[in-house]
C-alpha atoms as a PDB file:
ATOM      1  CA  MET A   1      17.515 -12.045  -7.627  1.00  0.00           C
ATOM      2  CA  ILE A   2      14.442 -12.119 -10.238  1.00  0.00           C
ATOM      3  CA  ARG A   3      14.617 -14.199 -13.234  1.00  0.00           C
ATOM      4  CA  ARG A   4      14.477 -12.423 -16.390  1.00  0.00           C
ATOM      5  CA  HIS A   5      12.671 -14.347 -19.901  1.00  0.00           C
ATOM      6  CA  GLY A   6      11.843 -13.387 -23.543  1.00  0.00           C
ATOM      7  CA  GLU A   7      14.343 -11.209 -25.762  1.00  0.00           C
ATOM      8  CA  PRO A   8      17.491 -10.310 -24.334  1.00  0.00           C
ATOM      9  CA  VAL A   9      18.138  -6.762 -23.299  1.00  0.00           C
ATOM     10  CA  ARG A  10      19.644  -5.187 -26.699  1.00  0.00           C
ATOM     11  CA  ARG A  11      22.397  -2.671 -25.326  1.00  0.00           C
ATOM     12  CA  ASP A  12      21.415  -0.059 -28.250  1.00  0.00           C
ATOM     13  CA  ARG A  13      17.998   0.697 -27.152  1.00  0.00           C
ATOM     14  CA  LYS A  14      17.680   2.805 -23.163  1.00  0.00           C
ATOM     15  CA  TYR A  15      14.764   0.929 -21.093  1.00  0.00           C
ATOM     16  CA  ARG A  16      12.259   2.533 -18.947  1.00  0.00           C
ATOM     17  CA  LEU A  17      11.042   0.584 -15.663  1.00  0.00           C
ATOM     18  CA  ARG A  18       7.442  -0.617 -16.507  1.00  0.00           C
ATOM     19  CA  PRO A  19       6.440  -2.158 -12.886  1.00  0.00           C
ATOM     20  CA  GLY A  20       3.141  -4.477 -13.523  1.00  0.00           C
ATOM     21  CA  VAL A  21       0.876  -7.055 -12.077  1.00  0.00           C
ATOM     22  CA  TYR A  22      -0.912  -9.832 -13.403  1.00  0.00           C
ATOM     23  CA  ALA A  23      -2.927 -12.463 -11.994  1.00  0.00           C
ATOM     24  CA  ILE A  24      -3.445 -16.404 -12.156  1.00  0.00           C
ATOM     25  CA  LEU A  25      -7.239 -16.854 -11.994  1.00  0.00           C
ATOM     26  CA  GLY A  26      -8.322 -20.627 -11.723  1.00  0.00           C
ATOM     27  CA  SER A  27     -11.776 -22.401 -11.718  1.00  0.00           C
ATOM     28  CA  GLY A  28     -11.255 -26.084 -11.804  1.00  0.00           C
ATOM     29  CA  GLY A  29      -8.951 -27.092 -14.471  1.00  0.00           C
ATOM     30  CA  ASP A  30      -9.367 -23.556 -16.348  1.00  0.00           C
ATOM     31  CA  VAL A  31      -7.701 -20.527 -15.990  1.00  0.00           C
ATOM     32  CA  LEU A  32      -8.836 -17.251 -17.255  1.00  0.00           C
ATOM     33  CA  LEU A  33      -7.078 -15.411 -19.926  1.00  0.00           C
ATOM     34  CA  THR A  34      -7.263 -11.850 -21.671  1.00  0.00           C
ATOM     35  CA  HIS A  35      -6.909 -11.442 -25.734  1.00  0.00           C
ATOM     36  CA  GLN A  36      -5.666  -8.146 -26.415  1.00  0.00           C
ATOM     37  CA  ALA A  37      -6.652  -7.525 -30.125  1.00  0.00           C
ATOM     38  CA  HIS A  38      -4.164  -4.563 -30.439  1.00  0.00           C
ATOM     39  CA  PRO A  39      -1.392  -3.177 -31.171  1.00  0.00           C
ATOM     40  CA  ILE A  40       0.235  -7.045 -31.286  1.00  0.00           C
ATOM     41  CA  PRO A  41      -2.872  -9.886 -30.793  1.00  0.00           C
ATOM     42  CA  GLU A  42      -1.891 -11.888 -27.797  1.00  0.00           C
ATOM     43  CA  PHE A  43      -2.823 -14.108 -24.988  1.00  0.00           C
ATOM     44  CA  GLN A  44      -1.829 -12.988 -21.788  1.00  0.00           C
ATOM     45  CA  LEU A  45      -2.391 -13.402 -17.898  1.00  0.00           C
ATOM     46  CA  PRO A  46      -5.114  -9.990 -16.966  1.00  0.00           C
ATOM     47  CA  GLY A  47      -2.872  -7.208 -15.466  1.00  0.00           C
ATOM     48  CA  GLY A  48      -0.684  -3.847 -16.438  1.00  0.00           C
ATOM     49  CA  GLY A  49       0.874  -1.014 -15.615  1.00  0.00           C
ATOM     50  CA  ILE A  50       1.223   0.330 -11.782  1.00  0.00           C
ATOM     51  CA  ASP A  51       0.332   3.925 -11.829  1.00  0.00           C
ATOM     52  CA  PRO A  52       2.306   6.337 -10.204  1.00  0.00           C
ATOM     53  CA  GLY A  53       1.010   6.620  -6.425  1.00  0.00           C
ATOM     54  CA  GLU A  54      -1.082   3.244  -7.172  1.00  0.00           C
ATOM     55  CA  SER A  55      -0.809  -0.273  -4.642  1.00  0.00           C
ATOM     56  CA  ARG A  56      -0.097  -3.183  -6.308  1.00  0.00           C
ATOM     57  CA  PHE A  57      -3.293  -4.475  -4.550  1.00  0.00           C
ATOM     58  CA  ALA A  58      -5.320  -1.503  -5.856  1.00  0.00           C
ATOM     59  CA  ALA A  59      -3.388  -2.024  -9.562  1.00  0.00           C
ATOM     60  CA  LEU A  60      -4.585  -5.999 -10.043  1.00  0.00           C
ATOM     61  CA  HIS A  61      -7.815  -5.171  -9.047  1.00  0.00           C
ATOM     62  CA  ARG A  62      -7.987  -2.552 -11.222  1.00  0.00           C
ATOM     63  CA  GLU A  63      -5.988  -4.285 -14.141  1.00  0.00           C
ATOM     64  CA  VAL A  64      -8.374  -7.363 -13.730  1.00  0.00           C
ATOM     65  CA  MET A  65     -11.276  -5.962 -13.898  1.00  0.00           C
ATOM     66  CA  GLU A  66     -10.533  -3.667 -16.800  1.00  0.00           C
ATOM     67  CA  GLU A  67      -9.086  -6.628 -18.700  1.00  0.00           C
ATOM     68  CA  THR A  68     -11.803  -8.709 -17.940  1.00  0.00           C
ATOM     69  CA  GLY A  69     -14.680  -7.430 -15.705  1.00  0.00           C
ATOM     70  CA  TRP A  70     -14.021  -9.826 -13.338  1.00  0.00           C
ATOM     71  CA  ARG A  71     -13.648  -8.714  -9.542  1.00  0.00           C
ATOM     72  CA  ILE A  72     -11.085 -10.891  -7.412  1.00  0.00           C
ATOM     73  CA  ALA A  73     -10.261 -12.204  -3.748  1.00  0.00           C
ATOM     74  CA  SER A  74      -7.292 -13.208  -1.490  1.00  0.00           C
ATOM     75  CA  PRO A  75      -4.335 -12.272  -3.946  1.00  0.00           C
ATOM     76  CA  ARG A  76      -1.305 -14.000  -3.162  1.00  0.00           C
ATOM     77  CA  ARG A  77       1.929 -13.141  -5.171  1.00  0.00           C
ATOM     78  CA  LEU A  78       3.910 -15.825  -6.019  1.00  0.00           C
ATOM     79  CA  GLY A  79       6.593 -13.679  -7.777  1.00  0.00           C
ATOM     80  CA  ALA A  80       7.944 -11.546 -10.429  1.00  0.00           C
ATOM     81  CA  PHE A  81       9.905 -11.575 -13.681  1.00  0.00           C
ATOM     82  CA  ARG A  82      11.674  -9.566 -15.942  1.00  0.00           C
ATOM     83  CA  ARG A  83      11.738  -9.116 -19.315  1.00  0.00           C
ATOM     84  CA  PHE A  84      12.717  -6.069 -21.807  1.00  0.00           C
ATOM     85  CA  THR A  85      10.499  -5.346 -24.998  1.00  0.00           C
ATOM     86  CA  TYR A  86       9.366  -2.973 -27.306  1.00  0.00           C
ATOM     87  CA  MET A  87       5.867  -1.220 -25.929  1.00  0.00           C
ATOM     88  CA  PRO A  88       4.339  -0.378 -29.819  1.00  0.00           C
ATOM     89  CA  GLU A  89       1.670   1.372 -28.099  1.00  0.00           C
ATOM     90  CA  TYR A  90       3.695   3.750 -25.731  1.00  0.00           C
ATOM     91  CA  ASP A  91       6.475   3.438 -28.246  1.00  0.00           C
ATOM     92  CA  LEU A  92       8.412   2.327 -25.465  1.00  0.00           C
ATOM     93  CA  TRP A  93      11.266   0.318 -24.999  1.00  0.00           C
ATOM     94  CA  ALA A  94      10.485  -1.639 -21.233  1.00  0.00           C
ATOM     95  CA  GLU A  95      12.062  -2.991 -18.948  1.00  0.00           C
ATOM     96  CA  LYS A  96       9.093  -4.777 -17.666  1.00  0.00           C
ATOM     97  CA  LEU A  97       8.809  -5.412 -14.069  1.00  0.00           C
ATOM     98  CA  CYS A  98       6.099  -8.295 -13.270  1.00  0.00           C
ATOM     99  CA  HIS A  99       4.584  -8.695 -10.388  1.00  0.00           C
ATOM    100  CA  ILE A 100       2.499 -12.332 -10.493  1.00  0.00           C
ATOM    101  CA  TYR A 101      -0.197 -13.055  -8.113  1.00  0.00           C
ATOM    102  CA  LEU A 102      -2.486 -15.923  -7.824  1.00  0.00           C
ATOM    103  CA  ALA A 103      -6.288 -14.517  -6.933  1.00  0.00           C
ATOM    104  CA  ARG A 104      -9.219 -16.481  -6.395  1.00  0.00           C
ATOM    105  CA  PRO A 105     -12.129 -15.265  -9.215  1.00  0.00           C
ATOM    106  CA  VAL A 106     -15.424 -14.217  -7.391  1.00  0.00           C
ATOM    107  CA  ARG A 107     -17.522 -12.855 -10.204  1.00  0.00           C
ATOM    108  CA  GLN A 108     -17.759 -10.967 -13.690  1.00  0.00           C
ATOM    109  CA  ILE A 109     -19.619  -8.065 -13.112  1.00  0.00           C
ATOM    110  CA  MET A 110     -19.385  -6.294 -16.164  1.00  0.00           C
ATOM    111  CA  GLN A 111     -17.992  -6.908 -19.379  1.00  0.00           C
ATOM    112  CA  PRO A 112     -13.962  -5.717 -20.146  1.00  0.00           C
ATOM    113  CA  THR A 113     -13.844  -1.465 -20.686  1.00  0.00           C
ATOM    114  CA  GLU A 114      -9.857  -2.302 -21.806  1.00  0.00           C
ATOM    115  CA  ALA A 115     -10.571  -1.612 -25.776  1.00  0.00           C
ATOM    116  CA  GLY A 116      -9.795  -5.113 -27.582  1.00  0.00           C
ATOM    117  CA  HIS A 117      -9.613  -7.096 -24.654  1.00  0.00           C
ATOM    118  CA  THR A 118     -11.827  -9.835 -24.649  1.00  0.00           C
ATOM    119  CA  ALA A 119     -12.063 -12.514 -21.402  1.00  0.00           C
ATOM    120  CA  LEU A 120     -11.229 -15.972 -22.138  1.00  0.00           C
ATOM    121  CA  TRP A 121     -11.517 -19.037 -19.435  1.00  0.00           C
ATOM    122  CA  THR A 122      -8.995 -21.738 -20.931  1.00  0.00           C
ATOM    123  CA  PRO A 123      -8.009 -25.002 -19.968  1.00  0.00           C
ATOM    124  CA  ILE A 124      -5.097 -24.706 -18.186  1.00  0.00           C
ATOM    125  CA  GLU A 125      -2.660 -26.536 -20.625  1.00  0.00           C
ATOM    126  CA  ALA A 126      -4.047 -24.873 -23.648  1.00  0.00           C
ATOM    127  CA  ALA A 127      -3.252 -21.618 -21.929  1.00  0.00           C
ATOM    128  CA  ILE A 128       0.327 -22.652 -21.317  1.00  0.00           C
ATOM    129  CA  GLU A 129       0.314 -22.723 -25.366  1.00  0.00           C
ATOM    130  CA  LEU A 130      -1.246 -19.867 -25.795  1.00  0.00           C
ATOM    131  CA  VAL A 131       0.413 -17.317 -23.559  1.00  0.00           C
ATOM    132  CA  GLY A 132       2.318 -14.766 -25.824  1.00  0.00           C
ATOM    133  CA  ASN A 133       5.508 -14.430 -23.174  1.00  0.00           C
ATOM    134  CA  ASP A 134       7.900 -16.795 -21.292  1.00  0.00           C
ATOM    135  CA  GLY A 135       7.071 -15.163 -17.826  1.00  0.00           C
ATOM    136  CA  ASP A 136       3.603 -15.750 -18.408  1.00  0.00           C
ATOM    137  CA  ARG A 137       4.302 -19.574 -19.380  1.00  0.00           C
ATOM    138  CA  ALA A 138       6.596 -20.243 -17.060  1.00  0.00           C
ATOM    139  CA  PHE A 139       4.283 -19.058 -13.647  1.00  0.00           C
ATOM    140  CA  LEU A 140       1.558 -21.304 -15.653  1.00  0.00           C
ATOM    141  CA  GLN A 141       3.176 -24.184 -15.811  1.00  0.00           C
ATOM    142  CA  ASP A 142       4.298 -23.920 -11.890  1.00  0.00           C
ATOM    143  CA  TYR A 143       0.373 -23.242 -11.175  1.00  0.00           C
ATOM    144  CA  ALA A 144      -0.537 -26.287 -13.290  1.00  0.00           C
ATOM    145  CA  GLU A 145       2.449 -28.330 -11.411  1.00  0.00           C
ATOM    146  CA  GLY A 146       0.616 -27.270  -8.452  1.00  0.00           C
ATOM    147  CA  PHE A 147       3.392 -24.787  -6.715  1.00  0.00           C
END
């Protein structure tokens, strides 16, 4: 069974399944977060939606690159969570199925290309407080405790 985090399911809404991949990228006592400025300012784990026909690994590498400019290596799936939310950028009520990976940051080769995203190395304890959703927070807490 996959854990659910966040708002309760609203019976008056129809949700569309949106699978996505997200990465915990650590270095020393810091993790790499992305800050999304629009439509709602929020700190997040780098990642996002899996395009039709795209594998999870390909999506993970693409999304991390777009949002942070970093290349990653050795992704290892840690688990998943679901959250039901409104996505204003798509005008969509979504059931987000979030697959979380631990990966090694290799090097930054460019600035983020995703509009409105900034990559920030953040001490793990601050990152736990900053992230905007409970699922990211739960996985960061597990990471901080050494899984």
